[in-house]
């Protein structure tokens, strides 16, 4: 199952990018034998400052046809890492070829796109900068692959 992380904004070189690249490399390596991956980041940029509605149009274009859509949203479901791993494995086992994790811009994700999502995931009741959410998501993807493989990375 291919993983697409569809995001608003461009990430420049720096510590966040280094972490994301590291976790994606780990995820691809660990997930390959599990039928997970590869993972890629698809960045969109609203150069006309059209707000959430314009960002939603760009994000929809970035999401591959037929993808299961999971939005990252503070109103979403809070899951433990093992629950997230089970969900990811379940989507794979259902034969989903693509999953798109959608991270909005500074103002979040347009209501219409949230409504069309198959799942909404939250990293807690706090609001996180969207660049940190990328780091947190890629880490959790790697952690999920590690859990599903029985690896030692995740400890309870």
Protein backbone atom coordinates (compact mmCIF):
# COMPACT_ATOMS: atom_id res chain seq x y z
CA UNK A 1 0.00 0.00 0.00
CA UNK A 2 1.52 3.25 -1.16
CA UNK A 3 1.49 6.13 1.31
CA UNK A 4 1.05 9.70 0.12
CA UNK A 5 1.45 12.59 2.53
CA UNK A 6 -0.35 15.50 0.87
CA UNK A 7 0.53 18.78 2.53
CA UNK A 8 0.14 22.51 2.15
CA UNK A 9 3.42 24.43 2.06
CA UNK A 10 7.00 23.80 1.11
CA UNK A 11 9.45 22.46 3.64
CA UNK A 12 12.91 23.93 3.41
CA UNK A 13 16.13 22.31 4.55
CA UNK A 14 16.45 22.12 8.30
CA UNK A 15 15.90 19.87 11.31
CA UNK A 16 12.27 19.04 10.48
CA UNK A 17 13.19 17.95 6.94
CA UNK A 18 16.09 15.87 8.27
CA UNK A 19 13.75 14.06 10.70
CA UNK A 20 11.09 13.50 8.05
CA UNK A 21 13.62 12.11 5.57
CA UNK A 22 15.03 9.79 8.24
CA UNK A 23 11.61 8.46 9.32
CA UNK A 24 10.47 7.98 5.72
CA UNK A 25 13.63 6.03 4.93
CA UNK A 26 13.06 3.85 8.01
CA UNK A 27 9.38 3.36 7.11
CA UNK A 28 10.20 2.34 3.56
CA UNK A 29 12.86 -0.10 4.75
CA UNK A 30 10.69 -1.64 7.50
CA UNK A 31 7.39 -1.50 5.62
CA UNK A 32 8.61 -2.99 2.32
CA UNK A 33 8.30 -6.58 3.53
CA UNK A 34 4.91 -5.84 5.07
CA UNK A 35 3.30 -4.48 1.92
CA UNK A 36 3.58 -0.89 3.18
CA UNK A 37 5.19 1.85 1.16
CA UNK A 38 6.81 3.47 -0.47
CA UNK A 39 5.89 6.77 1.13
CA UNK A 40 6.16 10.13 -0.54
CA UNK A 41 5.37 13.72 0.31
CA UNK A 42 3.32 15.75 -2.15
CA UNK A 43 3.51 19.47 -1.41
CA UNK A 44 1.04 22.03 -2.74
CA UNK A 45 1.26 25.77 -2.44
CA UNK A 46 -1.56 28.30 -2.57
CA UNK A 47 0.35 31.11 -4.29
CA UNK A 48 -2.80 33.20 -4.72
CA UNK A 49 -3.66 33.16 -1.00
CA UNK A 50 -7.13 31.74 -1.65
CA UNK A 51 -7.39 30.28 1.85
CA UNK A 52 -8.61 26.87 2.93
CA UNK A 53 -10.97 26.44 -0.03
CA UNK A 54 -8.17 27.01 -2.55
CA UNK A 55 -5.86 24.75 -0.55
CA UNK A 56 -8.53 22.03 -0.59
CA UNK A 57 -8.68 22.18 -4.41
CA UNK A 58 -4.89 21.81 -4.61
CA UNK A 59 -4.87 19.00 -2.05
CA UNK A 60 -7.60 17.10 -3.95
CA UNK A 61 -5.45 17.29 -7.09
CA UNK A 62 -2.49 15.88 -5.16
CA UNK A 63 -4.44 12.91 -3.79
CA UNK A 64 -4.10 9.93 -6.16
CA UNK A 65 -7.39 8.62 -7.57
CA UNK A 66 -8.93 5.87 -5.48
CA UNK A 67 -6.91 6.69 -2.37
CA UNK A 68 -8.29 6.20 1.08
CA UNK A 69 -8.20 9.71 2.56
CA UNK A 70 -7.11 10.31 6.14
CA UNK A 71 -7.08 13.94 7.27
CA UNK A 72 -4.95 15.12 10.17
CA UNK A 73 -7.30 17.28 12.19
CA UNK A 74 -7.65 18.30 15.83
CA UNK A 75 -11.28 17.08 15.71
CA UNK A 76 -10.18 13.63 14.55
CA UNK A 77 -9.83 10.40 16.48
CA UNK A 78 -7.04 10.16 19.02
CA UNK A 79 -5.39 6.74 18.72
CA UNK A 80 -2.60 4.94 20.49
CA UNK A 81 0.36 3.90 18.36
CA UNK A 82 -0.76 0.22 18.35
CA UNK A 83 -4.28 1.29 17.30
CA UNK A 84 -2.81 3.36 14.46
CA UNK A 85 -0.64 0.40 13.41
CA UNK A 86 -3.72 -1.85 13.40
CA UNK A 87 -5.63 0.70 11.33
CA UNK A 88 -2.80 1.00 8.80
CA UNK A 89 -2.48 -2.79 8.61
CA UNK A 90 -6.25 -3.11 8.24
CA UNK A 91 -6.34 -0.71 5.31
CA UNK A 92 -3.55 -2.72 3.69
CA UNK A 93 -5.35 -6.00 4.38
CA UNK A 94 -8.55 -4.61 2.81
CA UNK A 95 -6.56 -4.27 -0.40
CA UNK A 96 -6.28 -0.50 -0.40
CA UNK A 97 -3.58 0.40 -2.92
CA UNK A 98 -3.10 3.97 -1.77
CA UNK A 99 -3.66 5.95 1.40
CA UNK A 100 -3.37 9.73 1.42
CA UNK A 101 -2.67 11.49 4.69
CA UNK A 102 -3.73 15.11 4.31
CA UNK A 103 -2.19 17.93 6.34
CA UNK A 104 -3.67 21.38 5.82
CA UNK A 105 -2.07 24.77 6.06
CA UNK A 106 -1.97 27.18 8.98
CA UNK A 107 -5.78 27.44 9.13
CA UNK A 108 -6.44 23.71 8.83
CA UNK A 109 -8.43 21.74 6.26
CA UNK A 110 -11.59 22.99 4.56
CA UNK A 111 -14.80 21.51 5.95
CA UNK A 112 -15.76 19.96 2.60
CA UNK A 113 -12.50 18.02 2.35
CA UNK A 114 -12.75 16.92 5.99
CA UNK A 115 -16.28 15.70 5.30
CA UNK A 116 -15.13 13.62 2.30
CA UNK A 117 -12.33 11.92 4.25
CA UNK A 118 -12.54 8.24 5.13
CA UNK A 119 -10.88 8.87 8.48
CA UNK A 120 -9.78 11.81 10.62
CA UNK A 121 -6.78 11.41 12.88
CA UNK A 122 -5.76 13.72 15.70
CA UNK A 123 -2.47 14.01 17.55
CA UNK A 124 -4.29 15.39 20.58
CA UNK A 125 -6.40 18.33 21.59
CA UNK A 126 -3.53 20.77 21.17
CA UNK A 127 -2.96 22.52 17.87
CA UNK A 128 0.40 21.67 16.30
CA UNK A 129 2.33 23.58 13.65
CA UNK A 130 1.73 21.80 10.35
CA UNK A 131 5.48 21.31 9.83
CA UNK A 132 5.72 19.44 13.14
CA UNK A 133 2.67 17.35 12.23
CA UNK A 134 4.67 16.09 9.24
CA UNK A 135 7.43 14.96 11.58
CA UNK A 136 4.96 13.35 13.98
CA UNK A 137 3.12 11.54 11.19
CA UNK A 138 6.26 10.15 9.57
CA UNK A 139 7.50 8.96 12.97
CA UNK A 140 4.17 7.23 13.62
CA UNK A 141 4.25 5.60 10.20
CA UNK A 142 7.66 4.17 10.99
CA UNK A 143 6.49 3.15 14.46
CA UNK A 144 3.42 1.44 12.95
CA UNK A 145 5.59 -0.52 10.52
CA UNK A 146 7.86 -1.48 13.41
CA UNK A 147 4.88 -2.64 15.49
CA UNK A 148 3.45 -4.65 12.59
CA UNK A 149 6.84 -6.28 11.96
CA UNK A 150 7.31 -7.17 15.63
CA UNK A 151 10.39 -4.97 15.80
CA UNK A 152 11.85 -3.54 18.99
CA UNK A 153 11.33 0.19 18.22
CA UNK A 154 7.95 0.44 20.00
CA UNK A 155 7.95 -0.44 23.67
CA UNK A 156 4.86 -0.53 25.86
